[in-house]
Amino acid sequence: MRINDMKSALLTYQNQQNRPNTPTTPKKPSASVDVQISSRGQEISKAMMSEQTQRQNRVQELKQQVIDGSYQVDSSKIAEKFIGFWKNNS
């Protein structure tokens, strides 16, 4: 392939590089949307928040036990879980 006019090709490329990165069409503001959650959805949300709060409390209790040195590890439960895992995944 032979290109005869390198100057115009170079100018076109330079003009493209110097062009600001602004969109050609302005964005329209999005319309607001009114969303209503059903009573069942609200119940589920409350249950999830309650469960999350309970989990956070349990984590705090465990952290405190670890800090105090009063957390006891039940090695037999850990061993049972390991054995069960390896039996099911082998």
PDB file of N, CA and C in Angstrom:
ATOM      1  N   MET A   1       0.856  -1.172   0.000  1.00  0.00           N
ATOM      2  CA  MET A   1       0.000   0.000   0.000  1.00  0.00           C
ATOM      3  C   MET A   1       0.892   1.220   0.000  1.00  0.00           C
ATOM      4  N   ARG A   2       0.536   2.196  -0.798  1.00  0.00           N
ATOM      5  CA  ARG A   2       1.330   3.403  -0.935  1.00  0.00           C
ATOM      6  C   ARG A   2       0.507   4.587  -0.467  1.00  0.00           C
ATOM      7  N   ILE A   3       1.080   5.391   0.410  1.00  0.00           N
ATOM      8  CA  ILE A   3       0.411   6.585   0.899  1.00  0.00           C
ATOM      9  C   ILE A   3       1.114   7.776   0.267  1.00  0.00           C
ATOM     10  N   ASN A   4       0.371   8.559  -0.495  1.00  0.00           N
ATOM     11  CA  ASN A   4       0.960   9.680  -1.216  1.00  0.00           C
ATOM     12  C   ASN A   4       1.058  10.931  -0.368  1.00  0.00           C
ATOM     13  N   ASP A   5       0.037  11.211   0.402  1.00  0.00           N
ATOM     14  CA  ASP A   5       0.003  12.481   1.123  1.00  0.00           C
ATOM     15  C   ASP A   5       0.116  12.226   2.627  1.00  0.00           C
ATOM     16  N   MET A   6       1.341  12.131   3.118  1.00  0.00           N
ATOM     17  CA  MET A   6       1.587  11.881   4.542  1.00  0.00           C
ATOM     18  C   MET A   6       1.223  13.087   5.397  1.00  0.00           C
ATOM     19  N   LYS A   7       1.346  14.286   4.839  1.00  0.00           N
ATOM     20  CA  LYS A   7       1.091  15.502   5.623  1.00  0.00           C
ATOM     21  C   LYS A   7      -0.368  15.567   6.070  1.00  0.00           C
ATOM     22  N   SER A   8      -1.308  15.277   5.203  1.00  0.00           N
ATOM     23  CA  SER A   8      -2.720  15.351   5.590  1.00  0.00           C
ATOM     24  C   SER A   8      -3.061  14.243   6.590  1.00  0.00           C
ATOM     25  N   ALA A   9      -2.472  13.081   6.427  1.00  0.00           N
ATOM     26  CA  ALA A   9      -2.720  11.998   7.368  1.00  0.00           C
ATOM     27  C   ALA A   9      -2.184  12.359   8.743  1.00  0.00           C
ATOM     28  N   LEU A  10      -1.007  12.977   8.799  1.00  0.00           N
ATOM     29  CA  LEU A  10      -0.409  13.385  10.059  1.00  0.00           C
ATOM     30  C   LEU A  10      -1.235  14.476  10.730  1.00  0.00           C
ATOM     31  N   LEU A  11      -1.712  15.451   9.951  1.00  0.00           N
ATOM     32  CA  LEU A  11      -2.537  16.521  10.512  1.00  0.00           C
ATOM     33  C   LEU A  11      -3.854  15.972  11.062  1.00  0.00           C
ATOM     34  N   THR A  12      -4.437  15.016  10.368  1.00  0.00           N
ATOM     35  CA  THR A  12      -5.676  14.413  10.841  1.00  0.00           C
ATOM     36  C   THR A  12      -5.445  13.726  12.176  1.00  0.00           C
ATOM     37  N   TYR A  13      -4.361  12.997  12.290  1.00  0.00           N
ATOM     38  CA  TYR A  13      -4.032  12.319  13.541  1.00  0.00           C
ATOM     39  C   TYR A  13      -3.781  13.331  14.655  1.00  0.00           C
ATOM     40  N   GLN A  14      -3.042  14.397  14.377  1.00  0.00           N
ATOM     41  CA  GLN A  14      -2.751  15.416  15.386  1.00  0.00           C
ATOM     42  C   GLN A  14      -4.025  16.119  15.834  1.00  0.00           C
ATOM     43  N   ASN A  15      -4.910  16.417  14.902  1.00  0.00           N
ATOM     44  CA  ASN A  15      -6.181  17.058  15.263  1.00  0.00           C
ATOM     45  C   ASN A  15      -6.997  16.144  16.179  1.00  0.00           C
ATOM     46  N   GLN A  16      -6.973  14.864  15.905  1.00  0.00           N
ATOM     47  CA  GLN A  16      -7.700  13.916  16.743  1.00  0.00           C
ATOM     48  C   GLN A  16      -7.095  13.866  18.141  1.00  0.00           C
ATOM     49  N   GLN A  17      -5.786  13.939  18.257  1.00  0.00           N
ATOM     50  CA  GLN A  17      -5.118  13.906  19.548  1.00  0.00           C
ATOM     51  C   GLN A  17      -5.371  15.184  20.345  1.00  0.00           C
ATOM     52  N   ASN A  18      -5.510  16.311  19.678  1.00  0.00           N
ATOM     53  CA  ASN A  18      -5.683  17.591  20.353  1.00  0.00           C
ATOM     54  C   ASN A  18      -7.135  17.902  20.688  1.00  0.00           C
ATOM     55  N   ARG A  19      -8.059  17.081  20.219  1.00  0.00           N
ATOM     56  CA  ARG A  19      -9.470  17.312  20.460  1.00  0.00           C
ATOM     57  C   ARG A  19      -9.791  17.025  21.931  1.00  0.00           C
ATOM     58  N   PRO A  20     -10.552  17.914  22.586  1.00  0.00           N
ATOM     59  CA  PRO A  20     -10.906  17.655  23.985  1.00  0.00           C
ATOM     60  C   PRO A  20     -11.830  16.446  24.087  1.00  0.00           C
ATOM     61  N   ASN A  21     -11.760  15.786  25.217  1.00  0.00           N
ATOM     62  CA  ASN A  21     -12.555  14.580  25.441  1.00  0.00           C
ATOM     63  C   ASN A  21     -13.920  14.914  26.019  1.00  0.00           C
ATOM     64  N   THR A  22     -14.684  15.716  25.352  1.00  0.00           N
ATOM     65  CA  THR A  22     -16.029  16.057  25.803  1.00  0.00           C
ATOM     66  C   THR A  22     -17.031  15.363  24.902  1.00  0.00           C
ATOM     67  N   PRO A  23     -18.101  14.883  25.458  1.00  0.00           N
ATOM     68  CA  PRO A  23     -19.107  14.225  24.627  1.00  0.00           C
ATOM     69  C   PRO A  23     -19.773  15.237  23.704  1.00  0.00           C
ATOM     70  N   THR A  24     -20.150  14.792  22.537  1.00  0.00           N
ATOM     71  CA  THR A  24     -20.760  15.683  21.567  1.00  0.00           C
ATOM     72  C   THR A  24     -22.207  16.003  21.922  1.00  0.00           C
ATOM     73  N   THR A  25     -22.891  15.093  22.599  1.00  0.00           N
ATOM     74  CA  THR A  25     -24.264  15.355  23.006  1.00  0.00           C
ATOM     75  C   THR A  25     -24.304  15.466  24.528  1.00  0.00           C
ATOM     76  N   PRO A  26     -24.873  16.543  25.030  1.00  0.00           N
ATOM     77  CA  PRO A  26     -24.937  16.685  26.487  1.00  0.00           C
ATOM     78  C   PRO A  26     -25.865  15.641  27.084  1.00  0.00           C
ATOM     79  N   LYS A  27     -25.527  15.180  28.267  1.00  0.00           N
ATOM     80  CA  LYS A  27     -26.360  14.195  28.943  1.00  0.00           C
ATOM     81  C   LYS A  27     -27.576  14.878  29.553  1.00  0.00           C
ATOM     82  N   LYS A  28     -28.688  14.221  29.404  1.00  0.00           N
ATOM     83  CA  LYS A  28     -29.911  14.738  29.993  1.00  0.00           C
ATOM     84  C   LYS A  28     -29.985  14.261  31.435  1.00  0.00           C
ATOM     85  N   PRO A  29     -30.469  15.104  32.331  1.00  0.00           N
ATOM     86  CA  PRO A  29     -30.605  14.639  33.718  1.00  0.00           C
ATOM     87  C   PRO A  29     -31.617  13.498  33.766  1.00  0.00           C
ATOM     88  N   SER A  30     -31.301  12.497  34.552  1.00  0.00           N
ATOM     89  CA  SER A  30     -32.187  11.336  34.637  1.00  0.00           C
ATOM     90  C   SER A  30     -33.434  11.687  35.438  1.00  0.00           C
ATOM     91  N   ALA A  31     -34.521  11.112  35.027  1.00  0.00           N
ATOM     92  CA  ALA A  31     -35.785  11.335  35.722  1.00  0.00           C
ATOM     93  C   ALA A  31     -35.764  10.576  37.040  1.00  0.00           C
ATOM     94  N   SER A  32     -36.359  11.145  38.050  1.00  0.00           N
ATOM     95  CA  SER A  32     -36.392  10.458  39.341  1.00  0.00           C
ATOM     96  C   SER A  32     -37.373   9.294  39.272  1.00  0.00           C
ATOM     97  N   VAL A  33     -37.064   8.280  40.027  1.00  0.00           N
ATOM     98  CA  VAL A  33     -37.889   7.078  40.038  1.00  0.00           C
ATOM     99  C   VAL A  33     -38.381   6.852  41.459  1.00  0.00           C
ATOM    100  N   ASP A  34     -39.664   6.594  41.589  1.00  0.00           N
ATOM    101  CA  ASP A  34     -40.249   6.339  42.895  1.00  0.00           C
ATOM    102  C   ASP A  34     -40.353   4.826  43.073  1.00  0.00           C
ATOM    103  N   VAL A  35     -39.671   4.310  44.086  1.00  0.00           N
ATOM    104  CA  VAL A  35     -39.663   2.871  44.330  1.00  0.00           C
ATOM    105  C   VAL A  35     -40.354   2.604  45.658  1.00  0.00           C
ATOM    106  N   GLN A  36     -41.251   1.635  45.644  1.00  0.00           N
ATOM    107  CA  GLN A  36     -41.941   1.243  46.864  1.00  0.00           C
ATOM    108  C   GLN A  36     -41.652  -0.225  47.132  1.00  0.00           C
ATOM    109  N   ILE A  37     -41.293  -0.525  48.363  1.00  0.00           N
ATOM    110  CA  ILE A  37     -40.989  -1.893  48.759  1.00  0.00           C
ATOM    111  C   ILE A  37     -42.219  -2.484  49.423  1.00  0.00           C
ATOM    112  N   SER A  38     -42.543  -3.704  49.026  1.00  0.00           N
ATOM    113  CA  SER A  38     -43.728  -4.358  49.581  1.00  0.00           C
ATOM    114  C   SER A  38     -43.525  -4.631  51.065  1.00  0.00           C
ATOM    115  N   SER A  39     -44.634  -4.922  51.742  1.00  0.00           N
ATOM    116  CA  SER A  39     -44.549  -5.210  53.177  1.00  0.00           C
ATOM    117  C   SER A  39     -43.713  -6.460  53.413  1.00  0.00           C
ATOM    118  N   ARG A  40     -43.789  -7.434  52.522  1.00  0.00           N
ATOM    119  CA  ARG A  40     -42.980  -8.657  52.649  1.00  0.00           C
ATOM    120  C   ARG A  40     -41.502  -8.313  52.480  1.00  0.00           C
ATOM    121  N   GLY A  41     -41.195  -7.448  51.536  1.00  0.00           N
ATOM    122  CA  GLY A  41     -39.819  -7.014  51.328  1.00  0.00           C
ATOM    123  C   GLY A  41     -39.283  -6.277  52.542  1.00  0.00           C
ATOM    124  N   GLN A  42     -40.126  -5.472  53.152  1.00  0.00           N
ATOM    125  CA  GLN A  42     -39.721  -4.755  54.366  1.00  0.00           C
ATOM    126  C   GLN A  42     -39.462  -5.722  55.509  1.00  0.00           C
ATOM    127  N   GLU A  43     -40.293  -6.762  55.623  1.00  0.00           N
ATOM    128  CA  GLU A  43     -40.085  -7.778  56.663  1.00  0.00           C
ATOM    129  C   GLU A  43     -38.753  -8.489  56.460  1.00  0.00           C
ATOM    130  N   ILE A  44     -38.465  -8.846  55.223  1.00  0.00           N
ATOM    131  CA  ILE A  44     -37.207  -9.525  54.913  1.00  0.00           C
ATOM    132  C   ILE A  44     -36.026  -8.624  55.243  1.00  0.00           C
ATOM    133  N   SER A  45     -36.149  -7.357  54.899  1.00  0.00           N
ATOM    134  CA  SER A  45     -35.068  -6.404  55.180  1.00  0.00           C
ATOM    135  C   SER A  45     -34.816  -6.280  56.678  1.00  0.00           C
ATOM    136  N   LYS A  46     -35.894  -6.189  57.452  1.00  0.00           N
ATOM    137  CA  LYS A  46     -35.753  -6.089  58.910  1.00  0.00           C
ATOM    138  C   LYS A  46     -35.118  -7.348  59.480  1.00  0.00           C
ATOM    139  N   ALA A  47     -35.519  -8.505  58.968  1.00  0.00           N
ATOM    140  CA  ALA A  47     -34.959  -9.775  59.448  1.00  0.00           C
ATOM    141  C   ALA A  47     -33.472  -9.851  59.132  1.00  0.00           C
ATOM    142  N   MET A  48     -33.101  -9.402  57.957  1.00  0.00           N
ATOM    143  CA  MET A  48     -31.684  -9.420  57.576  1.00  0.00           C
ATOM    144  C   MET A  48     -30.877  -8.471  58.449  1.00  0.00           C
ATOM    145  N   MET A  49     -31.427  -7.309  58.751  1.00  0.00           N
ATOM    146  CA  MET A  49     -30.722  -6.346  59.601  1.00  0.00           C
ATOM    147  C   MET A  49     -30.568  -6.905  61.011  1.00  0.00           C
ATOM    148  N   SER A  50     -31.618  -7.573  61.514  1.00  0.00           N
ATOM    149  CA  SER A  50     -31.565  -8.171  62.847  1.00  0.00           C
ATOM    150  C   SER A  50     -30.505  -9.270  62.881  1.00  0.00           C
ATOM    151  N   GLU A  51     -30.483 -10.094  61.835  1.00  0.00           N
ATOM    152  CA  GLU A  51     -29.504 -11.173  61.756  1.00  0.00           C
ATOM    153  C   GLU A  51     -28.082 -10.613  61.689  1.00  0.00           C
ATOM    154  N   GLN A  52     -27.922  -9.542  60.941  1.00  0.00           N
ATOM    155  CA  GLN A  52     -26.605  -8.918  60.825  1.00  0.00           C
ATOM    156  C   GLN A  52     -26.161  -8.352  62.174  1.00  0.00           C
ATOM    157  N   THR A  53     -27.076  -7.745  62.907  1.00  0.00           N
ATOM    158  CA  THR A  53     -26.757  -7.207  64.227  1.00  0.00           C
ATOM    159  C   THR A  53     -26.358  -8.322  65.180  1.00  0.00           C
ATOM    160  N   GLN A  54     -27.098  -9.434  65.143  1.00  0.00           N
ATOM    161  CA  GLN A  54     -26.768 -10.574  65.995  1.00  0.00           C
ATOM    162  C   GLN A  54     -25.390 -11.133  65.647  1.00  0.00           C
ATOM    163  N   ARG A  55     -25.078 -11.209  64.364  1.00  0.00           N
ATOM    164  CA  ARG A  55     -23.782 -11.718  63.926  1.00  0.00           C
ATOM    165  C   ARG A  55     -22.658 -10.792  64.399  1.00  0.00           C
ATOM    166  N   GLN A  56     -22.879  -9.482  64.279  1.00  0.00           N
ATOM    167  CA  GLN A  56     -21.867  -8.524  64.730  1.00  0.00           C
ATOM    168  C   GLN A  56     -21.637  -8.644  66.237  1.00  0.00           C
ATOM    169  N   ASN A  57     -22.711  -8.824  66.993  1.00  0.00           N
ATOM    170  CA  ASN A  57     -22.574  -9.001  68.440  1.00  0.00           C
ATOM    171  C   ASN A  57     -21.782 -10.262  68.766  1.00  0.00           C
ATOM    172  N   ARG A  58     -22.066 -11.337  68.045  1.00  0.00           N
ATOM    173  CA  ARG A  58     -21.348 -12.596  68.280  1.00  0.00           C
ATOM    174  C   ARG A  58     -19.863 -12.440  67.958  1.00  0.00           C
ATOM    175  N   VAL A  59     -19.561 -11.748  66.877  1.00  0.00           N
ATOM    176  CA  VAL A  59     -18.165 -11.519  66.502  1.00  0.00           C
ATOM    177  C   VAL A  59     -17.461 -10.706  67.581  1.00  0.00           C
ATOM    178  N   GLN A  60     -18.131  -9.692  68.115  1.00  0.00           N
ATOM    179  CA  GLN A  60     -17.535  -8.887  69.176  1.00  0.00           C
ATOM    180  C   GLN A  60     -17.273  -9.735  70.427  1.00  0.00           C
ATOM    181  N   GLU A  61     -18.219 -10.618  70.758  1.00  0.00           N
ATOM    182  CA  GLU A  61     -18.029 -11.504  71.906  1.00  0.00           C
ATOM    183  C   GLU A  61     -16.803 -12.402  71.701  1.00  0.00           C
ATOM    184  N   LEU A  62     -16.691 -12.975  70.518  1.00  0.00           N
ATOM    185  CA  LEU A  62     -15.552 -13.850  70.225  1.00  0.00           C
ATOM    186  C   LEU A  62     -14.229 -13.082  70.263  1.00  0.00           C
ATOM    187  N   LYS A  63     -14.228 -11.874  69.720  1.00  0.00           N
ATOM    188  CA  LYS A  63     -13.012 -11.060  69.759  1.00  0.00           C
ATOM    189  C   LYS A  63     -12.593 -10.784  71.196  1.00  0.00           C
ATOM    190  N   GLN A  64     -13.572 -10.468  72.025  1.00  0.00           N
ATOM    191  CA  GLN A  64     -13.267 -10.183  73.425  1.00  0.00           C
ATOM    192  C   GLN A  64     -12.721 -11.427  74.124  1.00  0.00           C
ATOM    193  N   GLN A  65     -13.307 -12.605  73.826  1.00  0.00           N
ATOM    194  CA  GLN A  65     -12.811 -13.842  74.416  1.00  0.00           C
ATOM    195  C   GLN A  65     -11.376 -14.122  73.981  1.00  0.00           C
ATOM    196  N   VAL A  66     -11.066 -13.855  72.726  1.00  0.00           N
ATOM    197  CA  VAL A  66      -9.706 -14.065  72.241  1.00  0.00           C
ATOM    198  C   VAL A  66      -8.745 -13.117  72.946  1.00  0.00           C
ATOM    199  N   ILE A  67      -9.151 -11.856  73.103  1.00  0.00           N
ATOM    200  CA  ILE A  67      -8.307 -10.871  73.780  1.00  0.00           C
ATOM    201  C   ILE A  67      -8.086 -11.267  75.239  1.00  0.00           C
ATOM    202  N   ASP A  68      -9.156 -11.710  75.904  1.00  0.00           N
ATOM    203  CA  ASP A  68      -9.067 -12.104  77.313  1.00  0.00           C
ATOM    204  C   ASP A  68      -8.307 -13.410  77.508  1.00  0.00           C
ATOM    205  N   GLY A  69      -8.225 -14.209  76.452  1.00  0.00           N
ATOM    206  CA  GLY A  69      -7.601 -15.516  76.581  1.00  0.00           C
ATOM    207  C   GLY A  69      -8.557 -16.578  77.071  1.00  0.00           C
ATOM    208  N   SER A  70      -9.850 -16.262  77.074  1.00  0.00           N
ATOM    209  CA  SER A  70     -10.840 -17.216  77.573  1.00  0.00           C
ATOM    210  C   SER A  70     -11.500 -18.024  76.448  1.00  0.00           C
ATOM    211  N   TYR A  71     -11.125 -17.788  75.209  1.00  0.00           N
ATOM    212  CA  TYR A  71     -11.718 -18.529  74.086  1.00  0.00           C
ATOM    213  C   TYR A  71     -11.134 -19.929  74.047  1.00  0.00           C
ATOM    214  N   GLN A  72     -12.002 -20.921  74.071  1.00  0.00           N
ATOM    215  CA  GLN A  72     -11.580 -22.316  74.064  1.00  0.00           C
ATOM    216  C   GLN A  72     -11.899 -22.947  72.714  1.00  0.00           C
ATOM    217  N   VAL A  73     -10.918 -23.561  72.107  1.00  0.00           N
ATOM    218  CA  VAL A  73     -11.101 -24.240  70.825  1.00  0.00           C
ATOM    219  C   VAL A  73     -11.421 -25.702  71.096  1.00  0.00           C
ATOM    220  N   ASP A  74     -12.494 -26.186  70.501  1.00  0.00           N
ATOM    221  CA  ASP A  74     -12.872 -27.593  70.628  1.00  0.00           C
ATOM    222  C   ASP A  74     -12.230 -28.349  69.470  1.00  0.00           C
ATOM    223  N   SER A  75     -11.103 -28.968  69.743  1.00  0.00           N
ATOM    224  CA  SER A  75     -10.332 -29.635  68.689  1.00  0.00           C
ATOM    225  C   SER A  75     -11.077 -30.811  68.070  1.00  0.00           C
ATOM    226  N   SER A  76     -11.931 -31.469  68.823  1.00  0.00           N
ATOM    227  CA  SER A  76     -12.671 -32.604  68.259  1.00  0.00           C
ATOM    228  C   SER A  76     -13.680 -32.133  67.208  1.00  0.00           C
ATOM    229  N   LYS A  77     -14.308 -30.983  67.427  1.00  0.00           N
ATOM    230  CA  LYS A  77     -15.236 -30.442  66.427  1.00  0.00           C
ATOM    231  C   LYS A  77     -14.488 -30.058  65.160  1.00  0.00           C
ATOM    232  N   ILE A  78     -13.311 -29.467  65.328  1.00  0.00           N
ATOM    233  CA  ILE A  78     -12.504 -29.080  64.165  1.00  0.00           C
ATOM    234  C   ILE A  78     -12.092 -30.323  63.389  1.00  0.00           C
ATOM    235  N   ALA A  79     -11.662 -31.350  64.091  1.00  0.00           N
ATOM    236  CA  ALA A  79     -11.258 -32.596  63.434  1.00  0.00           C
ATOM    237  C   ALA A  79     -12.428 -33.230  62.689  1.00  0.00           C
ATOM    238  N   GLU A  80     -13.608 -33.222  63.298  1.00  0.00           N
ATOM    239  CA  GLU A  80     -14.791 -33.779  62.635  1.00  0.00           C
ATOM    240  C   GLU A  80     -15.110 -33.021  61.351  1.00  0.00           C
ATOM    241  N   LYS A  81     -15.004 -31.698  61.386  1.00  0.00           N
ATOM    242  CA  LYS A  81     -15.272 -30.887  60.198  1.00  0.00           C
ATOM    243  C   LYS A  81     -14.255 -31.176  59.103  1.00  0.00           C
ATOM    244  N   PHE A  82     -12.964 -31.310  59.486  1.00  0.00           N
ATOM    245  CA  PHE A  82     -11.930 -31.635  58.502  1.00  0.00           C
ATOM    246  C   PHE A  82     -12.209 -32.980  57.851  1.00  0.00           C
ATOM    247  N   ILE A  83     -12.522 -33.974  58.670  1.00  0.00           N
ATOM    248  CA  ILE A  83     -12.771 -35.311  58.144  1.00  0.00           C
ATOM    249  C   ILE A  83     -13.974 -35.315  57.216  1.00  0.00           C
ATOM    250  N   GLY A  84     -15.046 -34.655  57.627  1.00  0.00           N
ATOM    251  CA  GLY A  84     -16.235 -34.548  56.787  1.00  0.00           C
ATOM    252  C   GLY A  84     -15.950 -33.858  55.472  1.00  0.00           C
ATOM    253  N   PHE A  85     -15.165 -32.797  55.510  1.00  0.00           N
ATOM    254  CA  PHE A  85     -14.810 -32.058  54.295  1.00  0.00           C
ATOM    255  C   PHE A  85     -14.026 -32.957  53.347  1.00  0.00           C
ATOM    256  N   TRP A  86     -13.022 -33.647  53.868  1.00  0.00           N
ATOM    257  CA  TRP A  86     -12.171 -34.471  53.007  1.00  0.00           C
ATOM    258  C   TRP A  86     -12.916 -35.702  52.483  1.00  0.00           C
ATOM    259  N   LYS A  87     -13.865 -36.232  53.252  1.00  0.00           N
ATOM    260  CA  LYS A  87     -14.661 -37.365  52.754  1.00  0.00           C
ATOM    261  C   LYS A  87     -15.555 -36.930  51.611  1.00  0.00           C
ATOM    262  N   ASN A  88     -16.141 -35.747  51.726  1.00  0.00           N
ATOM    263  CA  ASN A  88     -17.076 -35.274  50.698  1.00  0.00           C
ATOM    264  C   ASN A  88     -16.382 -34.756  49.454  1.00  0.00           C
ATOM    265  N   ASN A  89     -15.128 -34.338  49.558  1.00  0.00           N
ATOM    266  CA  ASN A  89     -14.432 -33.728  48.427  1.00  0.00           C
ATOM    267  C   ASN A  89     -13.327 -34.595  47.856  1.00  0.00           C
ATOM    268  N   SER A  90     -13.304 -35.856  48.177  1.00  0.00           N
ATOM    269  CA  SER A  90     -12.245 -36.707  47.611  1.00  0.00           C
ATOM    270  C   SER A  90     -12.799 -37.777  46.708  1.00  0.00           C
TER     271      SER A  90
END
